[in-house]
């Protein structure tokens, strides 16, 4: 995947995504089969960028972005 740097997701990348590419991204996140936790985090940030900028592609995958509530007690 192309980005402006290792930590930034380019507008070009976000705009290039299709429904099929988004499905594959969500599938990877769902399966959580990454070589390192950082690989999963990169995909999570990419899905988050898509949800912000291209919500029509991510409506079926928002559950992958929702954070679990926690009890501080």
N, C-alpha and C. Protein backbone atom coordinates (compact mmCIF):
# COMPACT_ATOMS: atom_id res chain seq x y z
N UNK A 1 0.83 -1.18 0.00
CA UNK A 1 0.00 0.00 0.00
C UNK A 1 0.87 1.24 0.00
N UNK A 2 0.44 2.21 -0.71
CA UNK A 2 1.21 3.42 -0.86
C UNK A 2 0.73 4.46 0.15
N UNK A 3 1.69 5.08 0.83
CA UNK A 3 1.37 6.17 1.74
C UNK A 3 2.46 7.23 1.61
N UNK A 4 2.21 8.41 2.17
CA UNK A 4 3.19 9.48 2.07
C UNK A 4 4.40 9.19 2.93
N UNK A 5 4.23 8.46 3.98
CA UNK A 5 5.32 7.99 4.82
C UNK A 5 4.81 6.76 5.56
N UNK A 6 5.65 6.19 6.40
CA UNK A 6 5.24 5.00 7.12
C UNK A 6 4.08 5.28 8.09
N UNK A 7 3.93 6.53 8.53
CA UNK A 7 2.93 6.84 9.54
C UNK A 7 1.74 7.61 9.01
N UNK A 8 1.81 8.11 7.79
CA UNK A 8 0.74 8.93 7.25
C UNK A 8 0.03 8.21 6.11
N UNK A 9 -1.27 8.33 6.11
CA UNK A 9 -2.07 7.73 5.04
C UNK A 9 -2.42 8.85 4.07
N UNK A 10 -2.05 8.66 2.82
CA UNK A 10 -2.25 9.72 1.84
C UNK A 10 -3.70 9.81 1.39
N UNK A 11 -4.06 10.99 0.96
CA UNK A 11 -5.40 11.21 0.38
C UNK A 11 -5.55 10.36 -0.88
N UNK A 12 -4.47 10.23 -1.62
CA UNK A 12 -4.48 9.42 -2.84
C UNK A 12 -4.82 7.95 -2.52
N UNK A 13 -4.24 7.43 -1.47
CA UNK A 13 -4.52 6.05 -1.07
C UNK A 13 -5.99 5.89 -0.69
N UNK A 14 -6.48 6.79 0.15
CA UNK A 14 -7.88 6.72 0.58
C UNK A 14 -8.82 6.81 -0.61
N UNK A 15 -8.52 7.71 -1.52
CA UNK A 15 -9.39 7.90 -2.70
C UNK A 15 -9.32 6.74 -3.67
N UNK A 16 -8.25 5.96 -3.62
CA UNK A 16 -8.10 4.84 -4.54
C UNK A 16 -8.86 3.59 -4.09
N UNK A 17 -9.34 3.58 -2.85
CA UNK A 17 -9.99 2.37 -2.32
C UNK A 17 -11.33 2.11 -2.99
N UNK A 18 -11.58 0.81 -3.20
CA UNK A 18 -12.84 0.33 -3.75
C UNK A 18 -13.55 -0.48 -2.67
N UNK A 19 -14.77 -0.89 -2.96
CA UNK A 19 -15.50 -1.74 -2.02
C UNK A 19 -14.75 -3.05 -1.78
N UNK A 20 -14.20 -3.63 -2.83
CA UNK A 20 -13.47 -4.89 -2.70
C UNK A 20 -12.22 -4.72 -1.84
N UNK A 21 -11.50 -3.64 -2.04
CA UNK A 21 -10.29 -3.39 -1.24
C UNK A 21 -10.66 -3.18 0.23
N UNK A 22 -11.76 -2.48 0.47
CA UNK A 22 -12.22 -2.25 1.84
C UNK A 22 -12.63 -3.56 2.49
N UNK A 23 -13.31 -4.42 1.73
CA UNK A 23 -13.69 -5.74 2.24
C UNK A 23 -12.45 -6.53 2.66
N UNK A 24 -11.42 -6.54 1.82
CA UNK A 24 -10.19 -7.27 2.13
C UNK A 24 -9.50 -6.71 3.37
N UNK A 25 -9.50 -5.39 3.50
CA UNK A 25 -8.93 -4.74 4.67
C UNK A 25 -9.69 -5.16 5.93
N UNK A 26 -11.01 -5.11 5.87
CA UNK A 26 -11.83 -5.50 7.00
C UNK A 26 -11.65 -6.98 7.34
N UNK A 27 -11.52 -7.80 6.33
CA UNK A 27 -11.31 -9.24 6.54
C UNK A 27 -10.01 -9.47 7.30
N UNK A 28 -8.93 -8.78 6.91
CA UNK A 28 -7.66 -8.92 7.63
C UNK A 28 -7.80 -8.50 9.08
N UNK A 29 -8.50 -7.39 9.31
CA UNK A 29 -8.70 -6.91 10.68
C UNK A 29 -9.54 -7.90 11.49
N UNK A 30 -10.54 -8.45 10.86
CA UNK A 30 -11.41 -9.42 11.53
C UNK A 30 -10.63 -10.67 11.93
N UNK A 31 -9.76 -11.14 11.06
CA UNK A 31 -9.00 -12.37 11.31
C UNK A 31 -7.83 -12.16 12.26
N UNK A 32 -7.36 -10.92 12.38
CA UNK A 32 -6.26 -10.58 13.28
C UNK A 32 -5.05 -11.49 13.11
N UNK A 33 -4.71 -11.78 11.88
CA UNK A 33 -3.59 -12.66 11.59
C UNK A 33 -2.43 -11.83 11.02
N UNK A 34 -1.76 -11.10 11.89
CA UNK A 34 -0.68 -10.21 11.48
C UNK A 34 0.65 -10.70 12.04
N UNK A 35 1.71 -10.43 11.29
CA UNK A 35 3.06 -10.81 11.74
C UNK A 35 3.45 -10.01 12.99
N UNK A 36 3.05 -8.74 13.02
CA UNK A 36 3.35 -7.90 14.19
C UNK A 36 2.10 -7.10 14.55
N UNK A 37 2.00 -6.67 15.79
CA UNK A 37 0.85 -5.82 16.17
C UNK A 37 0.83 -4.52 15.38
N UNK A 38 1.98 -4.04 14.95
CA UNK A 38 2.04 -2.80 14.20
C UNK A 38 1.39 -2.92 12.83
N UNK A 39 1.45 -4.09 12.22
CA UNK A 39 0.79 -4.31 10.94
C UNK A 39 -0.73 -4.18 11.10
N UNK A 40 -1.26 -4.74 12.17
CA UNK A 40 -2.69 -4.62 12.45
C UNK A 40 -3.08 -3.18 12.73
N UNK A 41 -2.22 -2.47 13.45
CA UNK A 41 -2.49 -1.08 13.77
C UNK A 41 -2.51 -0.22 12.51
N UNK A 42 -1.63 -0.49 11.57
CA UNK A 42 -1.62 0.25 10.30
C UNK A 42 -2.94 0.05 9.56
N UNK A 43 -3.42 -1.21 9.52
CA UNK A 43 -4.70 -1.47 8.86
C UNK A 43 -5.84 -0.78 9.60
N UNK A 44 -5.80 -0.78 10.93
CA UNK A 44 -6.84 -0.13 11.72
C UNK A 44 -6.89 1.36 11.41
N UNK A 45 -5.72 1.99 11.34
CA UNK A 45 -5.67 3.42 11.02
C UNK A 45 -6.17 3.68 9.60
N UNK A 46 -5.87 2.79 8.69
CA UNK A 46 -6.36 2.94 7.32
C UNK A 46 -7.88 2.83 7.28
N UNK A 47 -8.44 1.85 7.98
CA UNK A 47 -9.90 1.72 8.03
C UNK A 47 -10.52 2.96 8.67
N UNK A 48 -9.88 3.49 9.69
CA UNK A 48 -10.37 4.69 10.35
C UNK A 48 -10.36 5.88 9.38
N UNK A 49 -9.29 6.01 8.61
CA UNK A 49 -9.22 7.09 7.61
C UNK A 49 -10.31 6.93 6.56
N UNK A 50 -10.56 5.70 6.17
CA UNK A 50 -11.64 5.45 5.22
C UNK A 50 -13.00 5.81 5.83
N UNK A 51 -13.20 5.47 7.09
CA UNK A 51 -14.47 5.76 7.75
C UNK A 51 -14.72 7.27 7.83
N UNK A 52 -13.66 8.03 8.00
CA UNK A 52 -13.79 9.48 8.09
C UNK A 52 -14.00 10.10 6.71
N UNK A 53 -13.22 9.64 5.73
CA UNK A 53 -13.22 10.28 4.42
C UNK A 53 -14.09 9.60 3.37
N UNK A 54 -14.37 8.33 3.55
CA UNK A 54 -15.18 7.58 2.58
C UNK A 54 -16.17 6.68 3.35
N UNK A 55 -17.02 7.24 4.16
CA UNK A 55 -17.91 6.44 5.02
C UNK A 55 -18.79 5.46 4.25
N UNK A 56 -19.06 5.76 3.00
CA UNK A 56 -19.89 4.84 2.21
C UNK A 56 -19.22 3.48 2.03
N UNK A 57 -17.90 3.43 2.16
CA UNK A 57 -17.17 2.16 2.01
C UNK A 57 -17.10 1.36 3.31
N UNK A 58 -17.30 2.02 4.44
CA UNK A 58 -17.02 1.36 5.72
C UNK A 58 -18.24 1.10 6.60
N UNK A 59 -19.41 1.42 6.13
CA UNK A 59 -20.59 1.30 7.00
C UNK A 59 -20.79 -0.11 7.54
N UNK A 60 -20.39 -1.13 6.80
CA UNK A 60 -20.54 -2.51 7.27
C UNK A 60 -19.43 -2.94 8.21
N UNK A 61 -18.42 -2.11 8.39
CA UNK A 61 -17.24 -2.52 9.16
C UNK A 61 -16.95 -1.62 10.36
N UNK A 62 -17.88 -0.75 10.69
CA UNK A 62 -17.68 0.18 11.81
C UNK A 62 -17.42 -0.57 13.11
N UNK A 63 -17.97 -1.74 13.26
CA UNK A 63 -17.75 -2.52 14.48
C UNK A 63 -16.26 -2.80 14.71
N UNK A 64 -15.46 -2.80 13.66
CA UNK A 64 -14.03 -3.03 13.81
C UNK A 64 -13.31 -1.81 14.37
N UNK A 65 -13.96 -0.66 14.33
CA UNK A 65 -13.37 0.57 14.85
C UNK A 65 -13.87 0.91 16.24
N UNK A 66 -15.04 0.43 16.59
CA UNK A 66 -15.60 0.73 17.90
C UNK A 66 -14.72 0.16 18.99
N UNK A 67 -14.50 0.97 19.99
CA UNK A 67 -13.70 0.51 21.11
C UNK A 67 -14.62 -0.05 22.17
N UNK A 68 -14.16 -1.10 22.80
CA UNK A 68 -14.94 -1.72 23.87
C UNK A 68 -14.99 -0.78 25.07
N UNK A 69 -16.16 -0.60 25.65
CA UNK A 69 -16.23 0.19 26.88
C UNK A 69 -15.53 -0.57 28.01
N UNK A 70 -14.98 0.17 28.95
CA UNK A 70 -14.32 -0.49 30.06
C UNK A 70 -14.75 0.15 31.36
N UNK A 71 -14.65 -0.61 32.41
CA UNK A 71 -15.03 -0.16 33.74
C UNK A 71 -13.75 0.19 34.49
N UNK A 72 -13.65 1.42 34.95
CA UNK A 72 -12.45 1.84 35.65
C UNK A 72 -12.44 1.43 37.11
N UNK A 73 -13.52 0.86 37.61
CA UNK A 73 -13.58 0.45 39.02
C UNK A 73 -12.88 -0.84 39.28
